[in-house]
Amino acid sequence: MVEFSELTVDAPERLQLAQWYHAEWGQDAGLSLEQELQRLNRAQDAEGFPHLIAAFDGGQVVGAVQLKRREMQAFPQYEHWLGSVFVADSHRGRGLAGTLVEQAAAQAARMGVSDLYLQTEALDGGLYARLGWTPLQEADNRSDRVLVMVRRISA
């Protein structure tokens, strides 16, 4: 059974997540593994951002999601972002990514977030469209074309 918890800054699983993030996105962005780990280990601000939620199966980390502030410089008006949704190959195809997104949305609501934004390379919205996120606009992020989406969390 998969369980979810926040990862503390000193959690050893952060290295595994940094390795996954680096292989998936970081190396294409020109980041070293050390830089990826530094990004992952940023201290939380007074409101708890960034916030890292991990999924565990049998004590092993199998996925993660983050709540961040102002992830895209092109959109400074959008404060709270969902990002870094990742599921290990061994656990893909089981709905875990959607569950991680819902865990993060619930946490964002507890943190008082009203609107949560994300960027996806799936220009049709992919998973996020199926989960009820609303497309806002396409944009360029580094060398990728992405779709920026929003979800109202609380009034």
N, C-alpha and C. Protein backbone atom coordinates (compact mmCIF):
# COMPACT_ATOMS: atom_id res chain seq x y z
N MET A 1 0.84 -1.19 0.00
CA MET A 1 0.00 0.00 0.00
C MET A 1 0.88 1.25 0.00
N VAL A 2 0.58 2.18 -0.85
CA VAL A 2 1.36 3.41 -0.96
C VAL A 2 0.92 4.39 0.12
N GLU A 3 1.91 4.98 0.78
CA GLU A 3 1.67 5.99 1.80
C GLU A 3 2.35 7.28 1.38
N PHE A 4 1.86 8.41 1.92
CA PHE A 4 2.37 9.73 1.55
C PHE A 4 2.84 10.47 2.79
N SER A 5 3.96 11.18 2.65
CA SER A 5 4.42 12.01 3.76
C SER A 5 5.32 13.12 3.23
N GLU A 6 5.41 14.18 4.03
CA GLU A 6 6.33 15.26 3.71
C GLU A 6 7.75 14.78 3.99
N LEU A 7 8.68 15.14 3.13
CA LEU A 7 10.07 14.78 3.35
C LEU A 7 10.78 15.93 4.05
N THR A 8 11.42 15.63 5.16
CA THR A 8 12.20 16.64 5.86
C THR A 8 13.47 16.93 5.06
N VAL A 9 14.12 18.03 5.37
CA VAL A 9 15.31 18.45 4.63
C VAL A 9 16.42 17.42 4.73
N ASP A 10 16.49 16.69 5.84
CA ASP A 10 17.58 15.72 6.01
C ASP A 10 17.19 14.30 5.60
N ALA A 11 16.03 14.12 4.99
CA ALA A 11 15.58 12.78 4.59
C ALA A 11 16.52 12.20 3.53
N PRO A 12 16.99 10.97 3.73
CA PRO A 12 17.91 10.36 2.77
C PRO A 12 17.27 10.14 1.39
N GLU A 13 15.95 10.06 1.33
CA GLU A 13 15.27 9.85 0.05
C GLU A 13 15.42 11.02 -0.90
N ARG A 14 15.82 12.16 -0.40
CA ARG A 14 15.99 13.33 -1.27
C ARG A 14 17.05 13.09 -2.34
N LEU A 15 18.07 12.31 -2.03
CA LEU A 15 19.09 12.02 -3.04
C LEU A 15 18.48 11.22 -4.18
N GLN A 16 17.66 10.21 -3.87
CA GLN A 16 16.99 9.44 -4.92
C GLN A 16 16.11 10.35 -5.78
N LEU A 17 15.37 11.23 -5.14
CA LEU A 17 14.51 12.15 -5.90
C LEU A 17 15.36 13.07 -6.78
N ALA A 18 16.46 13.57 -6.24
CA ALA A 18 17.34 14.44 -7.04
C ALA A 18 17.86 13.70 -8.26
N GLN A 19 18.20 12.43 -8.08
CA GLN A 19 18.69 11.63 -9.22
C GLN A 19 17.58 11.47 -10.26
N TRP A 20 16.36 11.18 -9.83
CA TRP A 20 15.24 11.06 -10.78
C TRP A 20 14.98 12.39 -11.48
N TYR A 21 14.91 13.47 -10.71
CA TYR A 21 14.64 14.79 -11.30
C TYR A 21 15.74 15.19 -12.28
N HIS A 22 16.98 14.88 -11.92
CA HIS A 22 18.09 15.22 -12.81
C HIS A 22 17.99 14.46 -14.12
N ALA A 23 17.71 13.16 -14.04
CA ALA A 23 17.59 12.35 -15.25
C ALA A 23 16.40 12.79 -16.10
N GLU A 24 15.29 13.16 -15.47
CA GLU A 24 14.07 13.51 -16.19
C GLU A 24 14.11 14.92 -16.78
N TRP A 25 14.60 15.89 -16.00
CA TRP A 25 14.55 17.29 -16.43
C TRP A 25 15.86 18.05 -16.28
N GLY A 26 16.59 17.79 -15.21
CA GLY A 26 17.75 18.61 -14.86
C GLY A 26 18.87 18.61 -15.85
N GLN A 27 19.24 17.42 -16.34
CA GLN A 27 20.39 17.40 -17.26
C GLN A 27 20.06 18.11 -18.55
N ASP A 28 18.82 18.04 -19.02
CA ASP A 28 18.43 18.79 -20.22
C ASP A 28 18.47 20.29 -19.98
N ALA A 29 18.27 20.71 -18.71
CA ALA A 29 18.31 22.13 -18.37
C ALA A 29 19.73 22.59 -18.05
N GLY A 30 20.70 21.66 -18.16
CA GLY A 30 22.08 22.02 -17.92
C GLY A 30 22.49 22.01 -16.46
N LEU A 31 21.71 21.36 -15.61
CA LEU A 31 22.02 21.30 -14.18
C LEU A 31 22.84 20.06 -13.88
N SER A 32 23.74 20.18 -12.91
CA SER A 32 24.46 19.01 -12.40
C SER A 32 23.58 18.33 -11.36
N LEU A 33 23.92 17.12 -11.00
CA LEU A 33 23.17 16.42 -9.95
C LEU A 33 23.27 17.21 -8.64
N GLU A 34 24.43 17.77 -8.35
CA GLU A 34 24.60 18.56 -7.13
C GLU A 34 23.67 19.78 -7.14
N GLN A 35 23.56 20.45 -8.28
CA GLN A 35 22.65 21.60 -8.37
C GLN A 35 21.20 21.16 -8.18
N GLU A 36 20.85 20.01 -8.74
CA GLU A 36 19.49 19.47 -8.57
C GLU A 36 19.21 19.20 -7.10
N LEU A 37 20.18 18.63 -6.40
CA LEU A 37 20.02 18.35 -4.97
C LEU A 37 19.90 19.65 -4.19
N GLN A 38 20.68 20.66 -4.55
CA GLN A 38 20.57 21.97 -3.88
C GLN A 38 19.18 22.57 -4.08
N ARG A 39 18.66 22.47 -5.30
CA ARG A 39 17.31 22.98 -5.57
C ARG A 39 16.27 22.24 -4.73
N LEU A 40 16.44 20.95 -4.63
CA LEU A 40 15.51 20.11 -3.87
C LEU A 40 15.59 20.40 -2.38
N ASN A 41 16.75 20.81 -1.90
CA ASN A 41 16.97 21.03 -0.47
C ASN A 41 16.81 22.48 -0.04
N ARG A 42 16.18 23.31 -0.85
CA ARG A 42 15.93 24.69 -0.44
C ARG A 42 15.13 24.72 0.86
N ALA A 43 15.50 25.62 1.74
CA ALA A 43 14.78 25.77 3.01
C ALA A 43 13.36 26.30 2.75
N GLN A 44 12.43 25.84 3.57
CA GLN A 44 11.06 26.33 3.45
C GLN A 44 10.98 27.76 3.98
N ASP A 45 10.09 28.56 3.36
CA ASP A 45 9.83 29.89 3.86
C ASP A 45 8.83 29.81 5.01
N ALA A 46 8.44 30.96 5.54
CA ALA A 46 7.54 30.99 6.71
C ALA A 46 6.20 30.33 6.44
N GLU A 47 5.78 30.27 5.17
CA GLU A 47 4.49 29.67 4.84
C GLU A 47 4.60 28.21 4.39
N GLY A 48 5.82 27.66 4.42
CA GLY A 48 6.00 26.24 4.13
C GLY A 48 6.32 25.89 2.69
N PHE A 49 6.76 26.87 1.90
CA PHE A 49 7.15 26.61 0.51
C PHE A 49 8.66 26.65 0.38
N PRO A 50 9.26 25.81 -0.40
CA PRO A 50 8.64 24.71 -1.15
C PRO A 50 8.25 23.57 -0.21
N HIS A 51 7.27 22.80 -0.64
CA HIS A 51 6.72 21.70 0.16
C HIS A 51 6.83 20.43 -0.68
N LEU A 52 7.51 19.45 -0.15
CA LEU A 52 7.78 18.21 -0.88
C LEU A 52 7.00 17.06 -0.26
N ILE A 53 6.18 16.40 -1.06
CA ILE A 53 5.40 15.24 -0.63
C ILE A 53 5.91 14.03 -1.40
N ALA A 54 6.24 12.99 -0.66
CA ALA A 54 6.75 11.77 -1.28
C ALA A 54 5.76 10.62 -1.09
N ALA A 55 5.79 9.70 -2.05
CA ALA A 55 5.01 8.47 -1.98
C ALA A 55 5.96 7.33 -1.65
N PHE A 56 5.56 6.49 -0.72
CA PHE A 56 6.37 5.36 -0.30
C PHE A 56 5.59 4.06 -0.46
N ASP A 57 6.28 3.03 -0.91
CA ASP A 57 5.71 1.69 -1.00
C ASP A 57 6.71 0.75 -0.34
N GLY A 58 6.30 0.11 0.74
CA GLY A 58 7.21 -0.79 1.44
C GLY A 58 8.45 -0.09 1.97
N GLY A 59 8.31 1.16 2.34
CA GLY A 59 9.43 1.92 2.88
C GLY A 59 10.34 2.54 1.83
N GLN A 60 10.09 2.28 0.55
CA GLN A 60 10.90 2.84 -0.53
C GLN A 60 10.16 4.00 -1.20
N VAL A 61 10.89 5.08 -1.47
CA VAL A 61 10.28 6.19 -2.17
C VAL A 61 9.98 5.77 -3.62
N VAL A 62 8.75 6.04 -4.08
CA VAL A 62 8.35 5.64 -5.43
C VAL A 62 7.79 6.81 -6.24
N GLY A 63 7.74 7.99 -5.64
CA GLY A 63 7.24 9.15 -6.37
C GLY A 63 7.24 10.37 -5.48
N ALA A 64 7.00 11.52 -6.09
CA ALA A 64 6.99 12.77 -5.34
C ALA A 64 6.29 13.87 -6.14
N VAL A 65 5.94 14.92 -5.42
CA VAL A 65 5.36 16.12 -5.99
C VAL A 65 5.79 17.29 -5.11
N GLN A 66 5.84 18.48 -5.69
CA GLN A 66 6.22 19.66 -4.91
C GLN A 66 5.23 20.79 -5.09
N LEU A 67 5.07 21.56 -4.03
CA LEU A 67 4.38 22.84 -4.09
C LEU A 67 5.47 23.90 -4.01
N LYS A 68 5.43 24.85 -4.96
CA LYS A 68 6.51 25.83 -5.09
C LYS A 68 5.92 27.24 -5.20
N ARG A 69 6.80 28.21 -5.11
CA ARG A 69 6.42 29.61 -5.36
C ARG A 69 7.02 30.07 -6.68
N ARG A 70 6.23 30.78 -7.45
CA ARG A 70 6.68 31.47 -8.66
C ARG A 70 7.68 30.65 -9.48
N GLU A 71 7.22 29.50 -9.96
CA GLU A 71 8.10 28.60 -10.70
C GLU A 71 8.54 29.16 -12.05
N MET A 72 7.68 29.91 -12.72
CA MET A 72 8.03 30.45 -14.04
C MET A 72 8.20 31.97 -13.96
N GLN A 73 9.40 32.43 -14.28
CA GLN A 73 9.69 33.86 -14.22
C GLN A 73 8.79 34.66 -15.14
N ALA A 74 8.31 34.05 -16.22
CA ALA A 74 7.46 34.76 -17.18
C ALA A 74 6.08 35.07 -16.59
N PHE A 75 5.75 34.45 -15.46
CA PHE A 75 4.43 34.64 -14.85
C PHE A 75 4.56 35.00 -13.37
N PRO A 76 5.13 36.16 -13.05
CA PRO A 76 5.32 36.53 -11.65
C PRO A 76 4.00 36.73 -10.90
N GLN A 77 2.92 36.93 -11.64
CA GLN A 77 1.62 37.12 -11.00
C GLN A 77 1.03 35.82 -10.47
N TYR A 78 1.56 34.69 -10.89
CA TYR A 78 1.09 33.38 -10.43
C TYR A 78 2.02 32.91 -9.32
N GLU A 79 1.51 32.91 -8.10
CA GLU A 79 2.39 32.67 -6.95
C GLU A 79 2.62 31.19 -6.65
N HIS A 80 1.58 30.41 -6.56
CA HIS A 80 1.71 29.03 -6.07
C HIS A 80 1.63 28.02 -7.22
N TRP A 81 2.63 27.13 -7.26
CA TRP A 81 2.76 26.18 -8.35
C TRP A 81 2.86 24.75 -7.85
N LEU A 82 2.30 23.84 -8.61
CA LEU A 82 2.52 22.42 -8.44
C LEU A 82 3.57 22.03 -9.45
N GLY A 83 4.53 21.23 -9.04
CA GLY A 83 5.57 20.84 -9.99
C GLY A 83 6.30 19.58 -9.55
N SER A 84 7.20 19.16 -10.42
CA SER A 84 8.07 18.03 -10.14
C SER A 84 7.30 16.76 -9.79
N VAL A 85 6.20 16.53 -10.50
CA VAL A 85 5.45 15.29 -10.31
C VAL A 85 6.24 14.17 -10.97
N PHE A 86 6.63 13.19 -10.18
CA PHE A 86 7.43 12.09 -10.71
C PHE A 86 7.03 10.79 -10.05
N VAL A 87 6.93 9.74 -10.88
CA VAL A 87 6.63 8.40 -10.39
C VAL A 87 7.70 7.45 -10.96
N ALA A 88 8.25 6.62 -10.08
CA ALA A 88 9.26 5.64 -10.50
C ALA A 88 8.67 4.70 -11.54
N ASP A 89 9.51 4.25 -12.48
CA ASP A 89 9.07 3.34 -13.53
C ASP A 89 8.28 2.16 -12.97
N SER A 90 8.72 1.63 -11.85
CA SER A 90 8.10 0.44 -11.26
C SER A 90 6.66 0.67 -10.81
N HIS A 91 6.26 1.95 -10.68
CA HIS A 91 4.92 2.26 -10.17
C HIS A 91 4.07 3.06 -11.15
N ARG A 92 4.53 3.19 -12.37
CA ARG A 92 3.74 3.92 -13.37
C ARG A 92 2.57 3.08 -13.85
N GLY A 93 1.53 3.77 -14.30
CA GLY A 93 0.35 3.08 -14.82
C GLY A 93 -0.61 2.62 -13.75
N ARG A 94 -0.43 3.09 -12.53
CA ARG A 94 -1.29 2.69 -11.41
C ARG A 94 -2.11 3.84 -10.83
N GLY A 95 -2.04 5.01 -11.47
CA GLY A 95 -2.78 6.16 -10.96
C GLY A 95 -2.06 6.95 -9.89
N LEU A 96 -0.80 6.63 -9.65
CA LEU A 96 -0.07 7.30 -8.57
C LEU A 96 0.18 8.77 -8.85
N ALA A 97 0.44 9.14 -10.09
CA ALA A 97 0.67 10.56 -10.41
C ALA A 97 -0.58 11.38 -10.06
N GLY A 98 -1.73 10.88 -10.43
CA GLY A 98 -2.98 11.58 -10.09
C GLY A 98 -3.18 11.70 -8.59
N THR A 99 -2.86 10.63 -7.87
CA THR A 99 -2.99 10.65 -6.41
C THR A 99 -2.02 11.65 -5.80
N LEU A 100 -0.80 11.71 -6.32
CA LEU A 100 0.17 12.70 -5.84
C LEU A 100 -0.35 14.13 -6.07
N VAL A 101 -0.91 14.37 -7.24
CA VAL A 101 -1.46 15.70 -7.54
C VAL A 101 -2.57 16.04 -6.56
N GLU A 102 -3.45 15.08 -6.27
CA GLU A 102 -4.54 15.34 -5.33
C GLU A 102 -4.02 15.54 -3.91
N GLN A 103 -3.00 14.81 -3.52
CA GLN A 103 -2.37 15.01 -2.21
C GLN A 103 -1.82 16.44 -2.11
N ALA A 104 -1.17 16.90 -3.17
CA ALA A 104 -0.60 18.25 -3.18
C ALA A 104 -1.70 19.31 -3.15
N ALA A 105 -2.77 19.09 -3.90
CA ALA A 105 -3.88 20.05 -3.90
C ALA A 105 -4.50 20.15 -2.52
N ALA A 106 -4.66 19.01 -1.84
CA ALA A 106 -5.21 19.02 -0.48
C ALA A 106 -4.27 19.77 0.47
N GLN A 107 -2.97 19.56 0.32
CA GLN A 107 -2.00 20.27 1.15
C GLN A 107 -2.05 21.77 0.85
N ALA A 108 -2.16 22.13 -0.42
CA ALA A 108 -2.25 23.55 -0.79
C ALA A 108 -3.48 24.19 -0.14
N ALA A 109 -4.59 23.48 -0.11
CA ALA A 109 -5.80 24.00 0.54
C ALA A 109 -5.54 24.24 2.02
N ARG A 110 -4.86 23.29 2.68
CA ARG A 110 -4.54 23.46 4.10
C ARG A 110 -3.61 24.65 4.33
N MET A 111 -2.82 24.99 3.32
CA MET A 111 -1.88 26.11 3.41
C MET A 111 -2.53 27.44 3.02
N GLY A 112 -3.81 27.39 2.65
CA GLY A 112 -4.53 28.61 2.31
C GLY A 112 -4.36 29.09 0.89
N VAL A 113 -3.88 28.24 0.01
CA VAL A 113 -3.68 28.61 -1.40
C VAL A 113 -5.05 28.68 -2.08
N SER A 114 -5.27 29.74 -2.87
CA SER A 114 -6.55 29.85 -3.58
C SER A 114 -6.47 29.33 -5.01
N ASP A 115 -5.36 29.59 -5.69
CA ASP A 115 -5.16 29.11 -7.05
C ASP A 115 -3.80 28.46 -7.14
N LEU A 116 -3.76 27.31 -7.81
CA LEU A 116 -2.52 26.57 -7.98
C LEU A 116 -2.26 26.43 -9.47
N TYR A 117 -1.04 26.73 -9.89
CA TYR A 117 -0.65 26.71 -11.30
C TYR A 117 0.33 25.57 -11.55
N LEU A 118 0.44 25.19 -12.81
CA LEU A 118 1.44 24.21 -13.21
C LEU A 118 1.80 24.45 -14.66
N GLN A 119 2.91 23.84 -15.07
CA GLN A 119 3.30 23.84 -16.47
C GLN A 119 3.48 22.39 -16.89
N THR A 120 3.06 22.07 -18.09
CA THR A 120 3.22 20.71 -18.60
C THR A 120 3.64 20.77 -20.06
N GLU A 121 4.48 19.81 -20.43
CA GLU A 121 4.88 19.70 -21.83
C GLU A 121 3.78 19.05 -22.67
N ALA A 122 2.79 18.47 -22.03
CA ALA A 122 1.64 17.89 -22.74
C ALA A 122 0.71 19.04 -23.11
N LEU A 123 0.80 19.50 -24.34
CA LEU A 123 0.06 20.70 -24.75
C LEU A 123 -1.45 20.50 -24.78
N ASP A 124 -1.92 19.25 -24.65
CA ASP A 124 -3.35 19.00 -24.53
C ASP A 124 -3.77 18.93 -23.06
N GLY A 125 -2.83 19.14 -22.15
CA GLY A 125 -3.11 19.10 -20.72
C GLY A 125 -2.91 17.73 -20.10
N GLY A 126 -2.96 16.68 -20.91
CA GLY A 126 -2.69 15.32 -20.44
C GLY A 126 -3.39 14.97 -19.15
N LEU A 127 -2.65 14.42 -18.23
CA LEU A 127 -3.15 14.02 -16.92
C LEU A 127 -3.88 15.15 -16.22
N TYR A 128 -3.34 16.36 -16.31
CA TYR A 128 -3.89 17.48 -15.56
C TYR A 128 -5.27 17.89 -16.09
N ALA A 129 -5.46 17.82 -17.40
CA ALA A 129 -6.78 18.10 -17.97
C ALA A 129 -7.78 17.07 -17.46
N ARG A 130 -7.37 15.80 -17.39
CA ARG A 130 -8.26 14.75 -16.87
C ARG A 130 -8.59 14.96 -15.41
N LEU A 131 -7.70 15.64 -14.67
CA LEU A 131 -7.93 15.90 -13.25
C LEU A 131 -8.65 17.23 -13.00
N GLY A 132 -9.05 17.90 -14.07
CA GLY A 132 -9.86 19.11 -13.92
C GLY A 132 -9.12 20.43 -13.92
N TRP A 133 -7.85 20.43 -14.29
CA TRP A 133 -7.10 21.68 -14.39
C TRP A 133 -7.53 22.42 -15.66
N THR A 134 -7.49 23.73 -15.62
CA THR A 134 -7.93 24.58 -16.73
C THR A 134 -6.73 25.17 -17.46
N PRO A 135 -6.66 25.00 -18.80
CA PRO A 135 -5.57 25.61 -19.56
C PRO A 135 -5.66 27.14 -19.53
N LEU A 136 -4.51 27.80 -19.38
CA LEU A 136 -4.46 29.25 -19.45
C LEU A 136 -3.82 29.72 -20.75
N GLN A 137 -2.60 29.24 -21.02
CA GLN A 137 -1.93 29.62 -22.26
C GLN A 137 -0.68 28.79 -22.46
N GLU A 138 -0.25 28.71 -23.71
CA GLU A 138 1.02 28.09 -24.02
C GLU A 138 2.12 29.14 -23.83
N ALA A 139 3.30 28.66 -23.49
CA ALA A 139 4.43 29.56 -23.26
C ALA A 139 5.72 28.80 -23.56
N ASP A 140 6.80 29.55 -23.72
CA ASP A 140 8.11 28.95 -23.89
C ASP A 140 8.80 28.90 -22.53
N ASN A 141 9.35 27.75 -22.20
CA ASN A 141 10.14 27.61 -20.97
C ASN A 141 11.43 26.92 -21.36
N ARG A 142 12.50 27.67 -21.32
CA ARG A 142 13.79 27.24 -21.85
C ARG A 142 13.58 26.87 -23.31
N SER A 143 13.89 25.65 -23.68
CA SER A 143 13.74 25.27 -25.09
C SER A 143 12.44 24.50 -25.34
N ASP A 144 11.58 24.44 -24.33
CA ASP A 144 10.34 23.67 -24.46
C ASP A 144 9.12 24.57 -24.56
N ARG A 145 8.14 24.09 -25.32
CA ARG A 145 6.83 24.73 -25.35
C ARG A 145 6.01 24.03 -24.27
N VAL A 146 5.38 24.81 -23.39
CA VAL A 146 4.60 24.24 -22.30
C VAL A 146 3.21 24.86 -22.26
N LEU A 147 2.31 24.16 -21.61
CA LEU A 147 0.98 24.66 -21.35
C LEU A 147 0.91 25.03 -19.88
N VAL A 148 0.53 26.27 -19.59
CA VAL A 148 0.33 26.71 -18.21
C VAL A 148 -1.14 26.48 -17.88
N MET A 149 -1.38 25.85 -16.73
CA MET A 149 -2.74 25.50 -16.31
C MET A 149 -2.98 25.99 -14.89
N VAL A 150 -4.26 26.06 -14.51
CA VAL A 150 -4.62 26.53 -13.17
C VAL A 150 -5.72 25.64 -12.60
N ARG A 151 -5.75 25.58 -11.29
CA ARG A 151 -6.84 24.91 -10.58
C ARG A 151 -7.20 25.76 -9.37
N ARG A 152 -8.48 26.09 -9.26
CA ARG A 152 -8.95 26.83 -8.07
C ARG A 152 -8.96 25.84 -6.91
N ILE A 153 -8.29 26.22 -5.83
CA ILE A 153 -8.16 25.35 -4.67
C ILE A 153 -9.19 25.72 -3.61
N SER A 154 -9.26 27.00 -3.25
CA SER A 154 -10.25 27.43 -2.26
C SER A 154 -10.64 28.86 -2.57
N ALA A 155 -11.78 29.25 -2.06
CA ALA A 155 -12.32 30.59 -2.36
C ALA A 155 -11.66 31.64 -1.48
